[in-house]
């Protein structure tokens, strides 16, 4: 399952970050690394972007980028 498929208020653990080149590096630099617990805070009315909470801060990412992050329920 990927991060874009998670319901608001659900906590999950990242298991893999996909993408290639600069996109993957950017996602990792933002703290989206394997074994990190994240919670989906909000989803925009049209479904894009998605706001998540991780490591004590909120991060807003595009749905397209969230689809590259594999997660598992905790």
C-alpha atoms as a PDB file:
ATOM      1  CA  UNK A   1       0.000   0.000   0.000  1.00  0.00           C
ATOM      2  CA  UNK A   2       1.220   3.539  -0.652  1.00  0.00           C
ATOM      3  CA  UNK A   3       0.937   6.763   1.345  1.00  0.00           C
ATOM      4  CA  UNK A   4      -1.634   8.300  -1.010  1.00  0.00           C
ATOM      5  CA  UNK A   5      -4.085   5.477  -0.165  1.00  0.00           C
ATOM      6  CA  UNK A   6      -4.095   6.095   3.598  1.00  0.00           C
ATOM      7  CA  UNK A   7      -7.144   7.583   5.346  1.00  0.00           C
ATOM      8  CA  UNK A   8      -6.917  10.805   7.360  1.00  0.00           C
ATOM      9  CA  UNK A   9      -5.871  10.191  10.978  1.00  0.00           C
ATOM     10  CA  UNK A  10      -4.146   6.885  10.278  1.00  0.00           C
ATOM     11  CA  UNK A  11      -0.570   6.227  11.418  1.00  0.00           C
ATOM     12  CA  UNK A  12       1.659   4.103   9.211  1.00  0.00           C
ATOM     13  CA  UNK A  13       5.330   3.193   8.970  1.00  0.00           C
ATOM     14  CA  UNK A  14       7.341   3.852   5.818  1.00  0.00           C
ATOM     15  CA  UNK A  15       8.899   0.692   4.394  1.00  0.00           C
ATOM     16  CA  UNK A  16      10.324   1.981   1.094  1.00  0.00           C
ATOM     17  CA  UNK A  17      10.764   5.229  -0.815  1.00  0.00           C
ATOM     18  CA  UNK A  18      10.535   4.924  -4.582  1.00  0.00           C
ATOM     19  CA  UNK A  19      11.292   7.350  -7.346  1.00  0.00           C
ATOM     20  CA  UNK A  20      14.504   8.031  -9.165  1.00  0.00           C
ATOM     21  CA  UNK A  21      17.308  10.553  -8.972  1.00  0.00           C
ATOM     22  CA  UNK A  22      16.538  13.990  -7.572  1.00  0.00           C
ATOM     23  CA  UNK A  23      12.943  13.113  -6.614  1.00  0.00           C
ATOM     24  CA  UNK A  24      14.041  10.248  -4.346  1.00  0.00           C
ATOM     25  CA  UNK A  25      16.819  12.351  -2.807  1.00  0.00           C
ATOM     26  CA  UNK A  26      14.350  15.183  -2.129  1.00  0.00           C
ATOM     27  CA  UNK A  27      11.881  12.829  -0.423  1.00  0.00           C
ATOM     28  CA  UNK A  28      14.637  11.358   1.749  1.00  0.00           C
ATOM     29  CA  UNK A  29      15.942  14.840   2.628  1.00  0.00           C
ATOM     30  CA  UNK A  30      12.457  15.814   3.838  1.00  0.00           C
ATOM     31  CA  UNK A  31      12.641  12.992   6.410  1.00  0.00           C
ATOM     32  CA  UNK A  32      10.622  10.393   4.528  1.00  0.00           C
ATOM     33  CA  UNK A  33      12.972   7.516   5.244  1.00  0.00           C
ATOM     34  CA  UNK A  34      12.211   3.836   5.940  1.00  0.00           C
ATOM     35  CA  UNK A  35      11.056   2.952   9.488  1.00  0.00           C
ATOM     36  CA  UNK A  36       9.663   6.483  10.062  1.00  0.00           C
ATOM     37  CA  UNK A  37       6.135   6.655  11.514  1.00  0.00           C
ATOM     38  CA  UNK A  38       3.879   9.170   9.766  1.00  0.00           C
ATOM     39  CA  UNK A  39       0.251  10.224  10.288  1.00  0.00           C
ATOM     40  CA  UNK A  40      -1.969  11.606   7.546  1.00  0.00           C
ATOM     41  CA  UNK A  41      -3.278  14.919   8.918  1.00  0.00           C
ATOM     42  CA  UNK A  42      -5.318  16.396   6.053  1.00  0.00           C
ATOM     43  CA  UNK A  43      -6.160  15.882   2.416  1.00  0.00           C
ATOM     44  CA  UNK A  44      -7.128  18.831   0.220  1.00  0.00           C
ATOM     45  CA  UNK A  45     -10.728  18.878  -1.072  1.00  0.00           C
ATOM     46  CA  UNK A  46      -9.666  17.753  -4.545  1.00  0.00           C
ATOM     47  CA  UNK A  47      -7.369  15.077  -3.066  1.00  0.00           C
ATOM     48  CA  UNK A  48      -4.071  16.845  -3.737  1.00  0.00           C
ATOM     49  CA  UNK A  49      -1.877  17.748  -1.804  1.00  0.00           C
ATOM     50  CA  UNK A  50      -1.665  15.615   1.350  1.00  0.00           C
ATOM     51  CA  UNK A  51      -0.489  16.936   4.725  1.00  0.00           C
ATOM     52  CA  UNK A  52       1.360  14.458   6.934  1.00  0.00           C
ATOM     53  CA  UNK A  53       2.872  14.650  10.407  1.00  0.00           C
ATOM     54  CA  UNK A  54       6.296  13.126  11.004  1.00  0.00           C
ATOM     55  CA  UNK A  55       9.211  13.702  13.358  1.00  0.00           C
ATOM     56  CA  UNK A  56       7.385  16.549  15.122  1.00  0.00           C
ATOM     57  CA  UNK A  57       6.478  18.648  12.082  1.00  0.00           C
ATOM     58  CA  UNK A  58       3.888  18.832   9.318  1.00  0.00           C
ATOM     59  CA  UNK A  59       4.850  18.258   5.712  1.00  0.00           C
ATOM     60  CA  UNK A  60       2.691  18.773   2.639  1.00  0.00           C
ATOM     61  CA  UNK A  61       3.450  16.631  -0.395  1.00  0.00           C
ATOM     62  CA  UNK A  62       1.836  16.044  -3.750  1.00  0.00           C
ATOM     63  CA  UNK A  63      -0.331  12.977  -4.179  1.00  0.00           C
ATOM     64  CA  UNK A  64       1.923  11.913  -7.055  1.00  0.00           C
ATOM     65  CA  UNK A  65       4.933  11.878  -4.701  1.00  0.00           C
ATOM     66  CA  UNK A  66       2.967  10.133  -1.921  1.00  0.00           C
ATOM     67  CA  UNK A  67       2.188   7.335  -4.395  1.00  0.00           C
ATOM     68  CA  UNK A  68       5.917   6.510  -4.499  1.00  0.00           C
ATOM     69  CA  UNK A  69       6.148   5.883  -0.737  1.00  0.00           C
ATOM     70  CA  UNK A  70       5.303   2.358   0.376  1.00  0.00           C
ATOM     71  CA  UNK A  71       3.877   2.051   3.884  1.00  0.00           C
ATOM     72  CA  UNK A  72       2.534  -0.566   6.270  1.00  0.00           C
ATOM     73  CA  UNK A  73      -0.077  -0.349   9.049  1.00  0.00           C
ATOM     74  CA  UNK A  74       1.234  -0.262  12.611  1.00  0.00           C
END
